[in-house]
Amino acid sequence: MTHAAWRDKPAYGLIATEDKSIAPEIQHAMYKRSHTKVTEVKGSHVIFMSQPEKVAGVIIEAAKENSPKKIIQPEKTPLK
């Protein structure tokens, strides 16, 4: 790999505000460098387990913001 995707593609990150493994200040510094859109979530290091709805919300937001404006639906074929 010669080129990091975050240099020209949108990046999204979650910061657990009560993380004891990686200090939120360090995460903020890393995300700032990569121009990441940051969402802070109250919780510990494993917010995907303690706050799954909020994590899913960020994933959905990222998908919506980076999807084509018009999504082409596949043709429906009748069941035989």
C-alpha atoms as a PDB file:
ATOM      1  CA  MET A   1       0.000   0.000   0.000  1.00  0.00           C
ATOM      2  CA  THR A   2       1.411   3.353  -0.998  1.00  0.00           C
ATOM      3  CA  HIS A   3      -1.458   5.757  -0.303  1.00  0.00           C
ATOM      4  CA  ALA A   4      -3.667   5.984   2.795  1.00  0.00           C
ATOM      5  CA  ALA A   5      -7.370   6.129   1.929  1.00  0.00           C
ATOM      6  CA  TRP A   6      -8.069   8.753   4.612  1.00  0.00           C
ATOM      7  CA  ARG A   7      -6.065  11.252   2.582  1.00  0.00           C
ATOM      8  CA  ASP A   8      -8.838  11.621  -0.004  1.00  0.00           C
ATOM      9  CA  LYS A   9     -11.872   9.762   1.341  1.00  0.00           C
ATOM     10  CA  PRO A  10     -14.144  10.775   4.224  1.00  0.00           C
ATOM     11  CA  ALA A  11     -13.257   9.203   7.556  1.00  0.00           C
ATOM     12  CA  TYR A  12     -15.476   8.746  10.604  1.00  0.00           C
ATOM     13  CA  GLY A  13     -14.404   7.973  14.134  1.00  0.00           C
ATOM     14  CA  LEU A  14     -15.898   7.360  17.532  1.00  0.00           C
ATOM     15  CA  ILE A  15     -14.246   8.431  20.749  1.00  0.00           C
ATOM     16  CA  ALA A  16     -15.256   6.762  23.978  1.00  0.00           C
ATOM     17  CA  THR A  17     -15.131   9.637  26.462  1.00  0.00           C
ATOM     18  CA  GLU A  18     -14.336   7.347  29.391  1.00  0.00           C
ATOM     19  CA  ASP A  19     -11.741   5.204  27.603  1.00  0.00           C
ATOM     20  CA  LYS A  20      -8.936   4.115  29.937  1.00  0.00           C
ATOM     21  CA  SER A  21      -7.022   2.149  27.274  1.00  0.00           C
ATOM     22  CA  ILE A  22      -6.491   4.984  24.790  1.00  0.00           C
ATOM     23  CA  ALA A  23      -6.894   8.460  26.236  1.00  0.00           C
ATOM     24  CA  PRO A  24      -9.546  10.492  24.388  1.00  0.00           C
ATOM     25  CA  GLU A  25      -7.000  13.317  23.970  1.00  0.00           C
ATOM     26  CA  ILE A  26      -4.743  10.991  21.985  1.00  0.00           C
ATOM     27  CA  GLN A  27      -7.655   9.849  19.845  1.00  0.00           C
ATOM     28  CA  HIS A  28      -8.615  13.473  19.145  1.00  0.00           C
ATOM     29  CA  ALA A  29      -5.046  14.197  18.015  1.00  0.00           C
ATOM     30  CA  MET A  30      -4.999  11.183  15.672  1.00  0.00           C
ATOM     31  CA  TYR A  31      -8.391  12.003  14.200  1.00  0.00           C
ATOM     32  CA  LYS A  32      -7.480  15.673  13.725  1.00  0.00           C
ATOM     33  CA  ARG A  33      -4.469  14.665  11.633  1.00  0.00           C
ATOM     34  CA  SER A  34      -6.649  12.592   9.308  1.00  0.00           C
ATOM     35  CA  HIS A  35      -9.525  15.123   9.175  1.00  0.00           C
ATOM     36  CA  THR A  36     -11.862  12.519  10.615  1.00  0.00           C
ATOM     37  CA  LYS A  37     -15.444  13.425  11.480  1.00  0.00           C
ATOM     38  CA  VAL A  38     -15.523  12.614  15.195  1.00  0.00           C
ATOM     39  CA  THR A  39     -18.453  11.576  17.352  1.00  0.00           C
ATOM     40  CA  GLU A  40     -17.957  11.373  21.082  1.00  0.00           C
ATOM     41  CA  VAL A  41     -19.884   8.688  22.939  1.00  0.00           C
ATOM     42  CA  LYS A  42     -20.057   8.368  26.704  1.00  0.00           C
ATOM     43  CA  GLY A  43     -18.602   4.980  27.523  1.00  0.00           C
ATOM     44  CA  SER A  44     -15.491   2.901  27.969  1.00  0.00           C
ATOM     45  CA  HIS A  45     -13.134   1.340  25.427  1.00  0.00           C
ATOM     46  CA  VAL A  46     -15.701  -1.099  23.989  1.00  0.00           C
ATOM     47  CA  ILE A  47     -18.523   1.277  23.060  1.00  0.00           C
ATOM     48  CA  PHE A  48     -19.596  -1.048  20.262  1.00  0.00           C
ATOM     49  CA  MET A  49     -20.836  -3.333  23.047  1.00  0.00           C
ATOM     50  CA  SER A  50     -22.076  -0.770  25.577  1.00  0.00           C
ATOM     51  CA  GLN A  51     -23.545   1.734  23.081  1.00  0.00           C
ATOM     52  CA  PRO A  52     -24.340  -0.285  19.929  1.00  0.00           C
ATOM     53  CA  GLU A  53     -27.162   2.030  18.827  1.00  0.00           C
ATOM     54  CA  LYS A  54     -24.865   5.067  18.815  1.00  0.00           C
ATOM     55  CA  VAL A  55     -22.141   3.184  16.954  1.00  0.00           C
ATOM     56  CA  ALA A  56     -24.688   1.979  14.383  1.00  0.00           C
ATOM     57  CA  GLY A  57     -25.947   5.562  14.041  1.00  0.00           C
ATOM     58  CA  VAL A  58     -22.482   6.771  13.032  1.00  0.00           C
ATOM     59  CA  ILE A  59     -22.136   3.935  10.519  1.00  0.00           C
ATOM     60  CA  ILE A  60     -25.549   4.753   9.028  1.00  0.00           C
ATOM     61  CA  GLU A  61     -24.694   8.474   8.885  1.00  0.00           C
ATOM     62  CA  ALA A  62     -21.417   7.711   7.089  1.00  0.00           C
ATOM     63  CA  ALA A  63     -23.206   5.462   4.605  1.00  0.00           C
ATOM     64  CA  LYS A  64     -25.878   8.068   3.881  1.00  0.00           C
ATOM     65  CA  GLU A  65     -23.365  10.881   3.480  1.00  0.00           C
ATOM     66  CA  ASN A  66     -21.258   8.850   1.069  1.00  0.00           C
ATOM     67  CA  SER A  67     -23.925   7.114  -1.002  1.00  0.00           C
ATOM     68  CA  PRO A  68     -24.891   8.218  -4.486  1.00  0.00           C
ATOM     69  CA  LYS A  69     -27.824  10.635  -4.458  1.00  0.00           C
ATOM     70  CA  LYS A  70     -30.007   8.272  -6.444  1.00  0.00           C
ATOM     71  CA  ILE A  71     -29.875   4.630  -5.515  1.00  0.00           C
ATOM     72  CA  ILE A  72     -30.946   2.371  -8.333  1.00  0.00           C
ATOM     73  CA  GLN A  73     -33.264  -0.351  -7.129  1.00  0.00           C
ATOM     74  CA  PRO A  74     -32.931  -3.780  -8.749  1.00  0.00           C
ATOM     75  CA  GLU A  75     -35.849  -4.842 -10.891  1.00  0.00           C
ATOM     76  CA  LYS A  76     -38.340  -7.035  -9.112  1.00  0.00           C
ATOM     77  CA  THR A  77     -38.818 -10.342 -10.802  1.00  0.00           C
ATOM     78  CA  PRO A  78     -42.052 -12.224 -10.204  1.00  0.00           C
ATOM     79  CA  LEU A  79     -41.803 -15.466  -8.293  1.00  0.00           C
ATOM     80  CA  LYS A  80     -42.502 -18.597 -10.302  1.00  0.00           C
END
